[in-house]
């Protein structure tokens, strides 16, 4: 996964990319943020061309999950959350 993150970081439109490991070292999560859907598609294409394989690896216990997350545009009032203030 670190190789994938390293490749994605070099692609135009990649705003950030990181690799995270649980304290036990059993799970790895990579995250990346892109300037646009087009930059995301171009980055994954460039990673594929660089030999990055996002498919299941026989060393893994579970298949990989690739999720596209977006910030909420507006939360309905009934689901709004009030954060406590400090001070």
Protein backbone atom coordinates (compact mmCIF):
# COMPACT_ATOMS: atom_id res chain seq x y z
CA UNK A 1 0.00 0.00 0.00
CA UNK A 2 2.86 2.39 0.69
CA UNK A 3 3.97 2.08 -2.95
CA UNK A 4 0.45 3.02 -4.09
CA UNK A 5 0.47 6.08 -1.80
CA UNK A 6 3.92 7.11 -3.04
CA UNK A 7 2.77 6.92 -6.67
CA UNK A 8 -0.52 8.74 -6.03
CA UNK A 9 1.31 11.60 -4.27
CA UNK A 10 3.19 12.38 -7.49
CA UNK A 11 0.09 12.67 -9.69
CA UNK A 12 -1.42 16.03 -10.66
CA UNK A 13 -4.52 16.83 -8.62
CA UNK A 14 -3.59 14.63 -5.65
CA UNK A 15 -3.96 16.92 -2.64
CA UNK A 16 -2.83 14.37 -0.07
CA UNK A 17 -2.14 10.67 0.31
CA UNK A 18 -1.25 8.70 3.43
CA UNK A 19 -0.87 5.14 4.66
CA UNK A 20 -2.08 4.15 8.14
CA UNK A 21 -1.42 0.96 10.13
CA UNK A 22 -3.21 -0.23 13.26
CA UNK A 23 -1.16 -0.50 16.45
CA UNK A 24 -1.24 -4.29 16.11
CA UNK A 25 0.02 -4.06 12.54
CA UNK A 26 -2.85 -6.21 11.30
CA UNK A 27 -4.74 -3.65 9.25
CA UNK A 28 -3.57 -1.08 6.74
CA UNK A 29 -5.64 1.82 5.42
CA UNK A 30 -4.59 4.27 2.76
CA UNK A 31 -6.33 7.58 2.19
CA UNK A 32 -6.04 10.11 -0.59
CA UNK A 33 -7.74 13.38 -1.43
CA UNK A 34 -8.05 14.68 -4.98
CA UNK A 35 -8.90 18.06 -6.47
CA UNK A 36 -11.64 16.58 -8.67
CA UNK A 37 -13.21 13.37 -9.94
CA UNK A 38 -11.09 13.77 -13.06
CA UNK A 39 -7.90 14.00 -10.98
CA UNK A 40 -8.96 10.86 -9.08
CA UNK A 41 -9.49 8.93 -12.32
CA UNK A 42 -6.21 10.18 -13.81
CA UNK A 43 -4.30 9.33 -10.61
CA UNK A 44 -5.62 5.76 -10.52
CA UNK A 45 -4.79 5.38 -14.22
CA UNK A 46 -1.25 6.64 -13.60
CA UNK A 47 -0.88 4.29 -10.62
CA UNK A 48 -2.03 1.36 -12.75
CA UNK A 49 0.51 2.31 -15.44
CA UNK A 50 3.20 2.40 -12.73
CA UNK A 51 2.38 -1.18 -11.79
CA UNK A 52 0.27 -0.49 -8.70
CA UNK A 53 -2.27 -3.27 -8.26
CA UNK A 54 -5.36 -2.30 -6.29
CA UNK A 55 -6.84 -5.80 -6.53
CA UNK A 56 -6.99 -8.42 -3.80
CA UNK A 57 -3.64 -9.78 -2.66
CA UNK A 58 -3.38 -13.40 -1.47
CA UNK A 59 -1.64 -12.21 1.72
CA UNK A 60 -4.75 -10.32 2.80
CA UNK A 61 -7.38 -11.79 5.08
CA UNK A 62 -10.23 -9.77 3.54
CA UNK A 63 -10.76 -8.23 0.10
CA UNK A 64 -9.86 -4.56 -0.16
CA UNK A 65 -12.59 -1.99 0.00
CA UNK A 66 -12.24 1.13 -2.12
CA UNK A 67 -14.58 3.88 -1.01
CA UNK A 68 -15.15 7.33 -2.47
CA UNK A 69 -16.00 9.75 0.31
CA UNK A 70 -17.41 13.22 -0.19
CA UNK A 71 -18.12 15.96 2.34
CA UNK A 72 -21.82 16.44 3.06
CA UNK A 73 -23.33 19.39 1.22
CA UNK A 74 -25.82 20.04 4.01
CA UNK A 75 -27.02 17.86 6.82
CA UNK A 76 -30.75 17.85 7.55
CA UNK A 77 -31.47 19.67 10.81
CA UNK A 78 -32.70 16.51 12.52
CA UNK A 79 -29.27 14.93 12.01
CA UNK A 80 -27.15 17.96 12.91
CA UNK A 81 -24.56 17.53 15.62
CA UNK A 82 -23.58 20.18 18.13
CA UNK A 83 -19.99 19.94 19.26
CA UNK A 84 -19.14 21.05 22.78
CA UNK A 85 -17.05 24.16 23.08
CA UNK A 86 -13.94 24.27 25.18
CA UNK A 87 -12.99 27.02 27.55
